[in-house]
Amino acid sequence: MGVQKQSVSFTDTAYAFARELVEAGEYPNVSAAVSGELAKAKAEREREQAVLEAELERRLSLPLDQWEPVGEASNVTAGARAHLAAMTRKT
């Protein structure tokens, strides 16, 4: 495992939380606290992604007569279209 040195800035709240973790004995220093909490966040994201993928696979494996209606396709994709339009305006 390599180590990358990087200078970062924290809000007062984030730094206080990291210090609390150190003072509670969960980590030896702030650097380890940040690395450890980022690893936990990454693992949680990966877990959420796996759960989502498993649910999608489950739903896609249902026979067509068991699918729930979703309404108009334009309603389903409205949020995505709005997001893309906002991104286009930013550029």
PDB file of N, CA and C in Angstrom:
ATOM      1  N   MET A   1       0.858  -1.177   0.000  1.00  0.00           N
ATOM      2  CA  MET A   1       0.000   0.000   0.000  1.00  0.00           C
ATOM      3  C   MET A   1       0.894   1.226   0.000  1.00  0.00           C
ATOM      4  N   GLY A   2       0.732   2.071  -0.992  1.00  0.00           N
ATOM      5  CA  GLY A   2       1.503   3.293  -1.070  1.00  0.00           C
ATOM      6  C   GLY A   2       0.874   4.394  -0.234  1.00  0.00           C
ATOM      7  N   VAL A   3       1.668   5.400   0.030  1.00  0.00           N
ATOM      8  CA  VAL A   3       1.190   6.549   0.791  1.00  0.00           C
ATOM      9  C   VAL A   3       1.430   7.785  -0.053  1.00  0.00           C
ATOM     10  N   GLN A   4       0.384   8.574  -0.232  1.00  0.00           N
ATOM     11  CA  GLN A   4       0.476   9.815  -0.984  1.00  0.00           C
ATOM     12  C   GLN A   4       0.359  10.977  -0.016  1.00  0.00           C
ATOM     13  N   LYS A   5       1.310  11.876  -0.065  1.00  0.00           N
ATOM     14  CA  LYS A   5       1.216  13.061   0.782  1.00  0.00           C
ATOM     15  C   LYS A   5       0.428  14.125   0.042  1.00  0.00           C
ATOM     16  N   GLN A   6      -0.495  14.756   0.760  1.00  0.00           N
ATOM     17  CA  GLN A   6      -1.348  15.760   0.156  1.00  0.00           C
ATOM     18  C   GLN A   6      -1.738  16.763   1.218  1.00  0.00           C
ATOM     19  N   SER A   7      -1.683  18.017   0.876  1.00  0.00           N
ATOM     20  CA  SER A   7      -2.147  19.050   1.790  1.00  0.00           C
ATOM     21  C   SER A   7      -3.632  19.279   1.538  1.00  0.00           C
ATOM     22  N   VAL A   8      -4.428  19.267   2.611  1.00  0.00           N
ATOM     23  CA  VAL A   8      -5.860  19.484   2.481  1.00  0.00           C
ATOM     24  C   VAL A   8      -6.317  20.510   3.506  1.00  0.00           C
ATOM     25  N   SER A   9      -7.460  21.096   3.248  1.00  0.00           N
ATOM     26  CA  SER A   9      -8.064  22.047   4.177  1.00  0.00           C
ATOM     27  C   SER A   9      -9.366  21.455   4.685  1.00  0.00           C
ATOM     28  N   PHE A  10      -9.713  21.744   5.931  1.00  0.00           N
ATOM     29  CA  PHE A  10     -10.926  21.234   6.539  1.00  0.00           C
ATOM     30  C   PHE A  10     -11.762  22.387   7.075  1.00  0.00           C
ATOM     31  N   THR A  11     -13.055  22.196   7.072  1.00  0.00           N
ATOM     32  CA  THR A  11     -13.909  23.130   7.797  1.00  0.00           C
ATOM     33  C   THR A  11     -13.649  22.897   9.281  1.00  0.00           C
ATOM     34  N   ASP A  12     -14.030  23.843  10.110  1.00  0.00           N
ATOM     35  CA  ASP A  12     -13.861  23.680  11.553  1.00  0.00           C
ATOM     36  C   ASP A  12     -14.579  22.433  12.048  1.00  0.00           C
ATOM     37  N   THR A  13     -15.765  22.199  11.523  1.00  0.00           N
ATOM     38  CA  THR A  13     -16.560  21.049  11.944  1.00  0.00           C
ATOM     39  C   THR A  13     -15.884  19.735  11.570  1.00  0.00           C
ATOM     40  N   ALA A  14     -15.380  19.641  10.350  1.00  0.00           N
ATOM     41  CA  ALA A  14     -14.727  18.408   9.900  1.00  0.00           C
ATOM     42  C   ALA A  14     -13.459  18.144  10.701  1.00  0.00           C
ATOM     43  N   TYR A  15     -12.687  19.193  10.945  1.00  0.00           N
ATOM     44  CA  TYR A  15     -11.449  19.019  11.710  1.00  0.00           C
ATOM     45  C   TYR A  15     -11.765  18.618  13.149  1.00  0.00           C
ATOM     46  N   ALA A  16     -12.779  19.231  13.731  1.00  0.00           N
ATOM     47  CA  ALA A  16     -13.166  18.885  15.098  1.00  0.00           C
ATOM     48  C   ALA A  16     -13.585  17.419  15.176  1.00  0.00           C
ATOM     49  N   PHE A  17     -14.304  16.945  14.170  1.00  0.00           N
ATOM     50  CA  PHE A  17     -14.719  15.542  14.141  1.00  0.00           C
ATOM     51  C   PHE A  17     -13.500  14.631  14.064  1.00  0.00           C
ATOM     52  N   ALA A  18     -12.557  14.951  13.199  1.00  0.00           N
ATOM     53  CA  ALA A  18     -11.336  14.143  13.081  1.00  0.00           C
ATOM     54  C   ALA A  18     -10.588  14.121  14.411  1.00  0.00           C
ATOM     55  N   ARG A  19     -10.478  15.256  15.064  1.00  0.00           N
ATOM     56  CA  ARG A  19      -9.803  15.332  16.371  1.00  0.00           C
ATOM     57  C   ARG A  19     -10.560  14.496  17.405  1.00  0.00           C
ATOM     58  N   GLU A  20     -11.879  14.524  17.373  1.00  0.00           N
ATOM     59  CA  GLU A  20     -12.673  13.713  18.302  1.00  0.00           C
ATOM     60  C   GLU A  20     -12.372  12.230  18.123  1.00  0.00           C
ATOM     61  N   LEU A  21     -12.251  11.804  16.865  1.00  0.00           N
ATOM     62  CA  LEU A  21     -11.946  10.399  16.589  1.00  0.00           C
ATOM     63  C   LEU A  21     -10.586  10.019  17.157  1.00  0.00           C
ATOM     64  N   VAL A  22      -9.626  10.927  17.019  1.00  0.00           N
ATOM     65  CA  VAL A  22      -8.278  10.688  17.547  1.00  0.00           C
ATOM     66  C   VAL A  22      -8.331  10.646  19.081  1.00  0.00           C
ATOM     67  N   GLU A  23      -8.984  11.630  19.673  1.00  0.00           N
ATOM     68  CA  GLU A  23      -9.058  11.705  21.131  1.00  0.00           C
ATOM     69  C   GLU A  23      -9.805  10.519  21.734  1.00  0.00           C
ATOM     70  N   ALA A  24     -10.740   9.955  20.960  1.00  0.00           N
ATOM     71  CA  ALA A  24     -11.484   8.786  21.427  1.00  0.00           C
ATOM     72  C   ALA A  24     -10.665   7.502  21.269  1.00  0.00           C
ATOM     73  N   GLY A  25      -9.501   7.617  20.655  1.00  0.00           N
ATOM     74  CA  GLY A  25      -8.631   6.461  20.481  1.00  0.00           C
ATOM     75  C   GLY A  25      -8.951   5.610  19.271  1.00  0.00           C
ATOM     76  N   GLU A  26      -9.811   6.102  18.397  1.00  0.00           N
ATOM     77  CA  GLU A  26     -10.156   5.317  17.210  1.00  0.00           C
ATOM     78  C   GLU A  26      -9.037   5.336  16.166  1.00  0.00           C
ATOM     79  N   TYR A  27      -8.265   6.404  16.156  1.00  0.00           N
ATOM     80  CA  TYR A  27      -7.158   6.552  15.223  1.00  0.00           C
ATOM     81  C   TYR A  27      -5.989   7.194  15.953  1.00  0.00           C
ATOM     82  N   PRO A  28      -4.752   6.930  15.486  1.00  0.00           N
ATOM     83  CA  PRO A  28      -3.587   7.505  16.162  1.00  0.00           C
ATOM     84  C   PRO A  28      -3.370   8.988  15.868  1.00  0.00           C
ATOM     85  N   ASN A  29      -3.877   9.465  14.727  1.00  0.00           N
ATOM     86  CA  ASN A  29      -3.685  10.873  14.359  1.00  0.00           C
ATOM     87  C   ASN A  29      -4.755  11.288  13.342  1.00  0.00           C
ATOM     88  N   VAL A  30      -4.793  12.577  13.041  1.00  0.00           N
ATOM     89  CA  VAL A  30      -5.815  13.110  12.121  1.00  0.00           C
ATOM     90  C   VAL A  30      -5.662  12.496  10.732  1.00  0.00           C
ATOM     91  N   SER A  31      -4.439  12.320  10.274  1.00  0.00           N
ATOM     92  CA  SER A  31      -4.229  11.737   8.951  1.00  0.00           C
ATOM     93  C   SER A  31      -4.847  10.341   8.869  1.00  0.00           C
ATOM     94  N   ALA A  32      -4.603   9.539   9.892  1.00  0.00           N
ATOM     95  CA  ALA A  32      -5.176   8.184   9.913  1.00  0.00           C
ATOM     96  C   ALA A  32      -6.699   8.248  10.009  1.00  0.00           C
ATOM     97  N   ALA A  33      -7.218   9.223  10.747  1.00  0.00           N
ATOM     98  CA  ALA A  33      -8.673   9.372  10.870  1.00  0.00           C
ATOM     99  C   ALA A  33      -9.285   9.688   9.506  1.00  0.00           C
ATOM    100  N   VAL A  34      -8.674  10.599   8.785  1.00  0.00           N
ATOM    101  CA  VAL A  34      -9.198  10.968   7.464  1.00  0.00           C
ATOM    102  C   VAL A  34      -9.132   9.766   6.526  1.00  0.00           C
ATOM    103  N   SER A  35      -7.993   9.083   6.501  1.00  0.00           N
ATOM    104  CA  SER A  35      -7.853   7.913   5.633  1.00  0.00           C
ATOM    105  C   SER A  35      -8.851   6.820   6.012  1.00  0.00           C
ATOM    106  N   GLY A  36      -8.996   6.577   7.313  1.00  0.00           N
ATOM    107  CA  GLY A  36      -9.908   5.545   7.772  1.00  0.00           C
ATOM    108  C   GLY A  36     -11.352   5.854   7.453  1.00  0.00           C
ATOM    109  N   GLU A  37     -11.752   7.093   7.673  1.00  0.00           N
ATOM    110  CA  GLU A  37     -13.140   7.472   7.404  1.00  0.00           C
ATOM    111  C   GLU A  37     -13.424   7.493   5.907  1.00  0.00           C
ATOM    112  N   LEU A  38     -12.430   7.870   5.094  1.00  0.00           N
ATOM    113  CA  LEU A  38     -12.624   7.799   3.639  1.00  0.00           C
ATOM    114  C   LEU A  38     -12.776   6.344   3.195  1.00  0.00           C
ATOM    115  N   ALA A  39     -12.004   5.444   3.794  1.00  0.00           N
ATOM    116  CA  ALA A  39     -12.129   4.022   3.466  1.00  0.00           C
ATOM    117  C   ALA A  39     -13.520   3.514   3.838  1.00  0.00           C
ATOM    118  N   LYS A  40     -14.030   3.945   5.002  1.00  0.00           N
ATOM    119  CA  LYS A  40     -15.387   3.551   5.398  1.00  0.00           C
ATOM    120  C   LYS A  40     -16.428   4.098   4.427  1.00  0.00           C
ATOM    121  N   ALA A  41     -16.263   5.349   4.015  1.00  0.00           N
ATOM    122  CA  ALA A  41     -17.208   5.956   3.072  1.00  0.00           C
ATOM    123  C   ALA A  41     -17.180   5.225   1.736  1.00  0.00           C
ATOM    124  N   LYS A  42     -15.979   4.864   1.283  1.00  0.00           N
ATOM    125  CA  LYS A  42     -15.845   4.134   0.014  1.00  0.00           C
ATOM    126  C   LYS A  42     -16.533   2.775   0.115  1.00  0.00           C
ATOM    127  N   ALA A  43     -16.309   2.070   1.216  1.00  0.00           N
ATOM    128  CA  ALA A  43     -16.933   0.757   1.404  1.00  0.00           C
ATOM    129  C   ALA A  43     -18.454   0.884   1.438  1.00  0.00           C
ATOM    130  N   GLU A  44     -18.957   1.937   2.082  1.00  0.00           N
ATOM    131  CA  GLU A  44     -20.411   2.142   2.147  1.00  0.00           C
ATOM    132  C   GLU A  44     -20.987   2.428   0.760  1.00  0.00           C
ATOM    133  N   ARG A  45     -20.287   3.238  -0.029  1.00  0.00           N
ATOM    134  CA  ARG A  45     -20.755   3.509  -1.400  1.00  0.00           C
ATOM    135  C   ARG A  45     -20.779   2.238  -2.228  1.00  0.00           C
ATOM    136  N   GLU A  46     -19.723   1.431  -2.083  1.00  0.00           N
ATOM    137  CA  GLU A  46     -19.662   0.178  -2.833  1.00  0.00           C
ATOM    138  C   GLU A  46     -20.789  -0.760  -2.402  1.00  0.00           C
ATOM    139  N   ARG A  47     -21.093  -0.791  -1.102  1.00  0.00           N
ATOM    140  CA  ARG A  47     -22.182  -1.621  -0.603  1.00  0.00           C
ATOM    141  C   ARG A  47     -23.508  -1.143  -1.173  1.00  0.00           C
ATOM    142  N   GLU A  48     -23.749   0.173  -1.154  1.00  0.00           N
ATOM    143  CA  GLU A  48     -24.991   0.725  -1.702  1.00  0.00           C
ATOM    144  C   GLU A  48     -25.110   0.413  -3.188  1.00  0.00           C
ATOM    145  N   GLN A  49     -23.996   0.507  -3.917  1.00  0.00           N
ATOM    146  CA  GLN A  49     -24.011   0.200  -5.349  1.00  0.00           C
ATOM    147  C   GLN A  49     -24.353  -1.267  -5.578  1.00  0.00           C
ATOM    148  N   ALA A  50     -23.778  -2.151  -4.767  1.00  0.00           N
ATOM    149  CA  ALA A  50     -24.058  -3.581  -4.905  1.00  0.00           C
ATOM    150  C   ALA A  50     -25.528  -3.883  -4.617  1.00  0.00           C
ATOM    151  N   VAL A  51     -26.090  -3.229  -3.595  1.00  0.00           N
ATOM    152  CA  VAL A  51     -27.501  -3.426  -3.265  1.00  0.00           C
ATOM    153  C   VAL A  51     -28.381  -2.947  -4.417  1.00  0.00           C
ATOM    154  N   LEU A  52     -28.051  -1.779  -4.971  1.00  0.00           N
ATOM    155  CA  LEU A  52     -28.824  -1.252  -6.099  1.00  0.00           C
ATOM    156  C   LEU A  52     -28.749  -2.194  -7.295  1.00  0.00           C
ATOM    157  N   GLU A  53     -27.549  -2.661  -7.611  1.00  0.00           N
ATOM    158  CA  GLU A  53     -27.394  -3.559  -8.752  1.00  0.00           C
ATOM    159  C   GLU A  53     -28.150  -4.862  -8.536  1.00  0.00           C
ATOM    160  N   ALA A  54     -28.108  -5.399  -7.316  1.00  0.00           N
ATOM    161  CA  ALA A  54     -28.828  -6.641  -7.028  1.00  0.00           C
ATOM    162  C   ALA A  54     -30.337  -6.432  -7.178  1.00  0.00           C
ATOM    163  N   GLU A  55     -30.825  -5.284  -6.706  1.00  0.00           N
ATOM    164  CA  GLU A  55     -32.266  -5.004  -6.836  1.00  0.00           C
ATOM    165  C   GLU A  55     -32.658  -4.831  -8.299  1.00  0.00           C
ATOM    166  N   LEU A  56     -31.823  -4.159  -9.071  1.00  0.00           N
ATOM    167  CA  LEU A  56     -32.113  -4.014 -10.504  1.00  0.00           C
ATOM    168  C   LEU A  56     -32.133  -5.374 -11.181  1.00  0.00           C
ATOM    169  N   GLU A  57     -31.163  -6.216 -10.870  1.00  0.00           N
ATOM    170  CA  GLU A  57     -31.129  -7.563 -11.451  1.00  0.00           C
ATOM    171  C   GLU A  57     -32.382  -8.350 -11.057  1.00  0.00           C
ATOM    172  N   ARG A  58     -32.783  -8.228  -9.789  1.00  0.00           N
ATOM    173  CA  ARG A  58     -33.974  -8.931  -9.328  1.00  0.00           C
ATOM    174  C   ARG A  58     -35.200  -8.476 -10.102  1.00  0.00           C
ATOM    175  N   ARG A  59     -35.341  -7.156 -10.224  1.00  0.00           N
ATOM    176  CA  ARG A  59     -36.516  -6.627 -10.915  1.00  0.00           C
ATOM    177  C   ARG A  59     -36.503  -6.977 -12.399  1.00  0.00           C
ATOM    178  N   LEU A  60     -35.326  -6.921 -13.013  1.00  0.00           N
ATOM    179  CA  LEU A  60     -35.244  -7.243 -14.442  1.00  0.00           C
ATOM    180  C   LEU A  60     -35.510  -8.716 -14.720  1.00  0.00           C
ATOM    181  N   SER A  61     -35.311  -9.554 -13.714  1.00  0.00           N
ATOM    182  CA  SER A  61     -35.546 -10.991 -13.925  1.00  0.00           C
ATOM    183  C   SER A  61     -37.020 -11.373 -13.772  1.00  0.00           C
ATOM    184  N   LEU A  62     -37.856 -10.436 -13.330  1.00  0.00           N
ATOM    185  CA  LEU A  62     -39.284 -10.724 -13.190  1.00  0.00           C
ATOM    186  C   LEU A  62     -39.928 -10.906 -14.562  1.00  0.00           C
ATOM    187  N   PRO A  63     -40.912 -11.770 -14.651  1.00  0.00           N
ATOM    188  CA  PRO A  63     -41.668 -11.878 -15.906  1.00  0.00           C
ATOM    189  C   PRO A  63     -42.353 -10.542 -16.209  1.00  0.00           C
ATOM    190  N   LEU A  64     -42.522 -10.242 -17.462  1.00  0.00           N
ATOM    191  CA  LEU A  64     -43.085  -8.952 -17.861  1.00  0.00           C
ATOM    192  C   LEU A  64     -44.448  -8.675 -17.233  1.00  0.00           C
ATOM    193  N   ASP A  65     -45.258  -9.724 -17.010  1.00  0.00           N
ATOM    194  CA  ASP A  65     -46.577  -9.488 -16.432  1.00  0.00           C
ATOM    195  C   ASP A  65     -46.517  -9.097 -14.951  1.00  0.00           C
ATOM    196  N   GLN A  66     -45.342  -9.155 -14.344  1.00  0.00           N
ATOM    197  CA  GLN A  66     -45.186  -8.759 -12.947  1.00  0.00           C
ATOM    198  C   GLN A  66     -44.530  -7.381 -12.795  1.00  0.00           C
ATOM    199  N   TRP A  67     -44.207  -6.760 -13.896  1.00  0.00           N
ATOM    200  CA  TRP A  67     -43.588  -5.438 -13.834  1.00  0.00           C
ATOM    201  C   TRP A  67     -44.627  -4.413 -13.411  1.00  0.00           C
ATOM    202  N   GLU A  68     -44.210  -3.460 -12.613  1.00  0.00           N
ATOM    203  CA  GLU A  68     -45.092  -2.382 -12.182  1.00  0.00           C
ATOM    204  C   GLU A  68     -45.069  -1.276 -13.225  1.00  0.00           C
ATOM    205  N   PRO A  69     -46.212  -0.703 -13.554  1.00  0.00           N
ATOM    206  CA  PRO A  69     -46.209   0.408 -14.517  1.00  0.00           C
ATOM    207  C   PRO A  69     -45.503   1.621 -13.905  1.00  0.00           C
ATOM    208  N   VAL A  70     -44.782   2.334 -14.742  1.00  0.00           N
ATOM    209  CA  VAL A  70     -44.055   3.516 -14.258  1.00  0.00           C
ATOM    210  C   VAL A  70     -44.662   4.806 -14.763  1.00  0.00           C
ATOM    211  N   GLY A  71     -45.693   4.738 -15.548  1.00  0.00           N
ATOM    212  CA  GLY A  71     -46.302   5.945 -16.086  1.00  0.00           C
ATOM    213  C   GLY A  71     -45.630   6.352 -17.385  1.00  0.00           C
ATOM    214  N   GLU A  72     -45.779   7.604 -17.705  1.00  0.00           N
ATOM    215  CA  GLU A  72     -45.218   8.126 -18.950  1.00  0.00           C
ATOM    216  C   GLU A  72     -43.696   8.140 -18.896  1.00  0.00           C
ATOM    217  N   ALA A  73     -43.068   7.741 -19.983  1.00  0.00           N
ATOM    218  CA  ALA A  73     -41.604   7.716 -20.033  1.00  0.00           C
ATOM    219  C   ALA A  73     -41.024   9.105 -19.804  1.00  0.00           C
ATOM    220  N   SER A  74     -41.711  10.131 -20.273  1.00  0.00           N
ATOM    221  CA  SER A  74     -41.191  11.489 -20.095  1.00  0.00           C
ATOM    222  C   SER A  74     -41.132  11.862 -18.610  1.00  0.00           C
ATOM    223  N   ASN A  75     -42.045  11.334 -17.793  1.00  0.00           N
ATOM    224  CA  ASN A  75     -42.003  11.585 -16.353  1.00  0.00           C
ATOM    225  C   ASN A  75     -40.821  10.883 -15.702  1.00  0.00           C
ATOM    226  N   VAL A  76     -40.502   9.697 -16.176  1.00  0.00           N
ATOM    227  CA  VAL A  76     -39.410   8.918 -15.611  1.00  0.00           C
ATOM    228  C   VAL A  76     -38.070   9.591 -15.893  1.00  0.00           C
ATOM    229  N   THR A  77     -37.938  10.177 -17.062  1.00  0.00           N
ATOM    230  CA  THR A  77     -36.648  10.755 -17.453  1.00  0.00           C
ATOM    231  C   THR A  77     -36.569  12.262 -17.250  1.00  0.00           C
ATOM    232  N   ALA A  78     -37.588  12.875 -16.706  1.00  0.00           N
ATOM    233  CA  ALA A  78     -37.602  14.335 -16.556  1.00  0.00           C
ATOM    234  C   ALA A  78     -36.442  14.840 -15.708  1.00  0.00           C
ATOM    235  N   GLY A  79     -36.154  14.179 -14.605  1.00  0.00           N
ATOM    236  CA  GLY A  79     -35.056  14.605 -13.741  1.00  0.00           C
ATOM    237  C   GLY A  79     -33.715  14.533 -14.449  1.00  0.00           C
ATOM    238  N   ALA A  80     -33.499  13.461 -15.175  1.00  0.00           N
ATOM    239  CA  ALA A  80     -32.237  13.302 -15.904  1.00  0.00           C
ATOM    240  C   ALA A  80     -32.109  14.360 -16.997  1.00  0.00           C
ATOM    241  N   ARG A  81     -33.201  14.626 -17.692  1.00  0.00           N
ATOM    242  CA  ARG A  81     -33.142  15.645 -18.741  1.00  0.00           C
ATOM    243  C   ARG A  81     -32.878  17.024 -18.158  1.00  0.00           C
ATOM    244  N   ALA A  82     -33.466  17.335 -17.022  1.00  0.00           N
ATOM    245  CA  ALA A  82     -33.233  18.633 -16.368  1.00  0.00           C
ATOM    246  C   ALA A  82     -31.782  18.753 -15.920  1.00  0.00           C
ATOM    247  N   HIS A  83     -31.240  17.675 -15.386  1.00  0.00           N
ATOM    248  CA  HIS A  83     -29.837  17.680 -14.947  1.00  0.00           C
ATOM    249  C   HIS A  83     -28.903  17.913 -16.138  1.00  0.00           C
ATOM    250  N   LEU A  84     -29.135  17.212 -17.225  1.00  0.00           N
ATOM    251  CA  LEU A  84     -28.300  17.384 -18.414  1.00  0.00           C
ATOM    252  C   LEU A  84     -28.409  18.800 -18.968  1.00  0.00           C
ATOM    253  N   ALA A  85     -29.607  19.360 -18.959  1.00  0.00           N
ATOM    254  CA  ALA A  85     -29.797  20.722 -19.438  1.00  0.00           C
ATOM    255  C   ALA A  85     -29.033  21.712 -18.556  1.00  0.00           C
ATOM    256  N   ALA A  86     -29.065  21.505 -17.246  1.00  0.00           N
ATOM    257  CA  ALA A  86     -28.337  22.381 -16.332  1.00  0.00           C
ATOM    258  C   ALA A  86     -26.839  22.274 -16.552  1.00  0.00           C
ATOM    259  N   MET A  87     -26.351  21.081 -16.811  1.00  0.00           N
ATOM    260  CA  MET A  87     -24.914  20.880 -17.063  1.00  0.00           C
ATOM    261  C   MET A  87     -24.519  21.586 -18.362  1.00  0.00           C
ATOM    262  N   THR A  88     -25.383  21.527 -19.358  1.00  0.00           N
ATOM    263  CA  THR A  88     -25.095  22.169 -20.644  1.00  0.00           C
ATOM    264  C   THR A  88     -25.021  23.675 -20.479  1.00  0.00           C
ATOM    265  N   ARG A  89     -25.895  24.234 -19.655  1.00  0.00           N
ATOM    266  CA  ARG A  89     -25.882  25.682 -19.420  1.00  0.00           C
ATOM    267  C   ARG A  89     -24.614  26.137 -18.708  1.00  0.00           C
ATOM    268  N   LYS A  90     -24.019  25.288 -17.869  1.00  0.00           N
ATOM    269  CA  LYS A  90     -22.814  25.644 -17.117  1.00  0.00           C
ATOM    270  C   LYS A  90     -21.595  25.744 -18.003  1.00  0.00           C
ATOM    271  N   THR A  91     -21.595  25.035 -19.115  1.00  0.00           N
ATOM    272  CA  THR A  91     -20.394  25.024 -19.977  1.00  0.00           C
ATOM    273  C   THR A  91     -20.386  26.142 -20.969  1.00  0.00           C
TER     274      THR A  91
END
